[in-house]
Protein backbone atom coordinates (compact mmCIF):
# COMPACT_ATOMS: atom_id res chain seq x y z
CA MET A 1 0.00 0.00 0.00
CA LYS A 2 1.23 3.48 -0.86
CA LYS A 3 2.36 5.69 2.05
CA MET A 4 -0.45 8.16 2.82
CA ILE A 5 0.02 11.03 5.27
CA SER A 6 -3.05 12.84 6.58
CA MET A 7 -3.27 16.59 7.04
CA CYS A 8 -2.36 16.25 10.74
CA GLY A 9 0.51 13.90 9.94
CA TYR A 10 -1.09 10.58 10.84
CA ARG A 11 -0.26 7.67 8.53
CA CYS A 12 -3.61 6.76 6.97
CA ASP A 13 -2.12 3.70 5.28
CA LEU A 14 -1.17 2.30 8.71
CA CYS A 15 -4.32 3.36 10.59
CA PRO A 16 -6.55 0.45 11.61
CA VAL A 17 -9.66 2.47 10.67
CA TYR A 18 -8.42 3.06 7.12
CA ARG A 19 -10.83 1.13 4.90
CA ASP A 20 -8.38 -1.44 3.49
CA ASN A 21 -6.87 -2.10 6.91
CA LEU A 22 -10.24 -2.32 8.62
CA GLU A 23 -11.30 -5.04 6.21
CA ARG A 24 -8.03 -6.93 6.73
CA ILE A 25 -7.91 -6.62 10.55
CA GLY A 26 -11.62 -6.90 11.23
CA ARG A 27 -14.06 -4.45 12.78
CA ASP A 28 -14.40 -6.30 16.09
CA GLU A 29 -10.63 -6.32 16.67
CA VAL A 30 -10.29 -2.63 15.77
CA ARG A 31 -13.24 -1.69 17.98
CA ALA A 32 -11.71 -3.63 20.90
CA GLY A 33 -8.29 -2.02 20.32
CA PHE A 34 -9.71 1.50 20.44
CA VAL A 35 -11.56 0.73 23.66
CA LYS A 36 -8.47 -0.86 25.20
CA TYR A 37 -5.92 1.77 24.19
CA PHE A 38 -7.83 5.00 23.58
CA HIS A 39 -10.85 4.44 25.85
CA SER A 40 -13.01 5.27 22.86
CA GLU A 41 -16.03 3.50 21.43
CA LEU A 42 -16.01 3.63 17.65
CA ASP A 43 -19.46 4.18 16.20
CA ASP A 44 -20.81 2.28 13.23
CA GLU A 45 -20.15 5.21 10.87
CA ILE A 46 -16.41 5.16 11.64
CA LEU A 47 -16.39 1.39 11.33
CA LYS A 48 -17.49 1.72 7.72
CA GLY A 49 -13.87 2.68 7.12
CA CYS A 50 -12.02 5.92 6.47
CA GLN A 51 -10.43 6.70 3.12
CA GLY A 52 -8.11 9.40 4.49
CA CYS A 53 -8.31 13.19 4.40
CA PRO A 54 -8.02 13.65 0.63
CA ALA A 55 -11.00 11.35 0.07
CA GLY A 56 -13.19 12.82 2.80
CA GLY A 57 -11.81 11.67 6.13
CA ASP A 58 -13.31 13.19 9.26
CA GLU A 59 -15.53 16.05 8.15
CA ASN A 60 -15.51 17.46 11.71
CA CYS A 61 -11.72 17.67 12.01
CA SER A 62 -10.56 21.23 12.66
CA VAL A 63 -7.06 20.42 11.39
CA LYS A 64 -8.43 19.15 8.09
CA ALA A 65 -10.62 22.23 7.70
CA CYS A 66 -7.70 24.55 8.41
CA ALA A 67 -5.29 22.80 6.03
CA SER A 68 -7.97 22.69 3.32
CA ASP A 69 -8.69 26.40 3.75
CA LYS A 70 -4.97 27.14 3.39
CA GLY A 71 -4.62 24.83 0.40
CA ILE A 72 -1.84 22.75 1.95
CA ALA A 73 -1.44 18.98 1.99
CA ASN A 74 -0.58 18.82 5.70
CA CYS A 75 0.38 20.91 8.72
CA GLY A 76 4.11 20.42 8.18
CA LEU A 77 3.78 22.78 5.21
CA CYS A 78 2.08 25.53 7.21
CA ARG A 79 4.02 28.63 8.23
CA GLU A 80 2.07 28.65 11.52
CA PHE A 81 3.09 25.09 12.44
CA PRO A 82 2.76 23.98 15.17
CA CYS A 83 -0.51 25.68 16.05
CA ASP A 84 -2.95 24.79 18.82
CA LYS A 85 -5.16 22.77 16.47
CA VAL A 86 -2.48 20.30 15.49
CA ARG A 87 -0.74 20.30 18.89
CA LYS A 88 -3.80 18.51 20.31
CA LYS A 89 -3.14 15.66 17.89
CA MET A 90 0.65 15.59 18.20
CA ASN A 91 0.99 13.77 21.50
CA VAL A 92 -1.45 10.90 21.13
CA THR A 93 1.13 8.23 21.89
CA GLU A 94 2.43 10.08 24.96
CA GLU A 95 -1.10 10.76 26.17
CA TYR A 96 -2.33 7.18 26.00
CA PHE A 97 0.76 5.01 26.45
CA ASP A 98 3.14 5.08 29.40
CA ASP A 99 5.40 2.45 27.88
CA VAL A 100 4.81 1.47 24.27
CA SER A 101 7.44 -1.26 24.58
CA ALA A 102 4.99 -3.12 26.83
CA LEU A 103 2.64 -3.53 23.86
CA SER A 104 2.91 -6.41 21.44
CA GLU A 105 4.64 -5.60 18.17
CA ARG A 106 1.30 -5.97 16.36
CA ASP A 107 -0.47 -3.53 18.70
CA GLN A 108 2.39 -1.04 18.33
CA GLU A 109 1.99 -1.27 14.55
CA LEU A 110 -1.79 -0.84 14.77
CA TYR A 111 -2.32 1.64 17.59
CA VAL A 112 0.92 3.61 17.99
CA GLU A 113 2.83 3.94 14.73
CA PRO A 114 0.01 5.47 12.66
CA TYR A 115 -0.31 8.33 15.17
CA ARG A 116 3.36 9.26 15.66
CA ASN A 117 2.87 12.43 13.69
CA LYS A 118 5.14 14.89 15.47
CA GLU A 119 8.34 13.54 13.92
CA ARG A 120 6.66 13.23 10.50
CA LEU A 121 5.42 16.82 10.49
CA LEU A 122 8.74 18.19 11.73
CA LYS A 123 10.54 16.33 8.92
CA ILE A 124 8.07 17.66 6.33
CA GLN A 125 8.54 21.18 7.73
CA GLU A 126 12.33 20.83 7.60
CA ASP A 127 12.24 19.51 4.03
CA SER A 128 9.87 22.27 2.89
CA LYS A 129 12.17 24.98 4.30
CA LYS A 130 15.00 23.60 2.20
CA HIS A 131 12.87 24.15 -0.91
CA ARG A 132 11.58 27.65 -0.17
């Protein structure tokens, strides 16, 4: 699967809710993982599968709305980065996991790696400054 980075820097192609992954992993396992790790019940609409920001994604996401309004692919390309909107999404792994090494490798791949966006966005920002 092609690498796909969302507007907030999440890796859609690795996200368990991404449509192709959801079909492969299974809705029940993904639902249980979100309850276990994020203390969040996924509703049936989310469990239909996400196609990522460019194809619709979360219509209520303030980061997506902001990036779309600015005409940028993701927050790493924004001159205001990091702003308060994206900061809320930049520490997901730190917020929910005390010790990611305690998780199985599979659970790290499913519930940690897709959301490690801080490093991704900083790299995109660094690369974009080189080309300005």
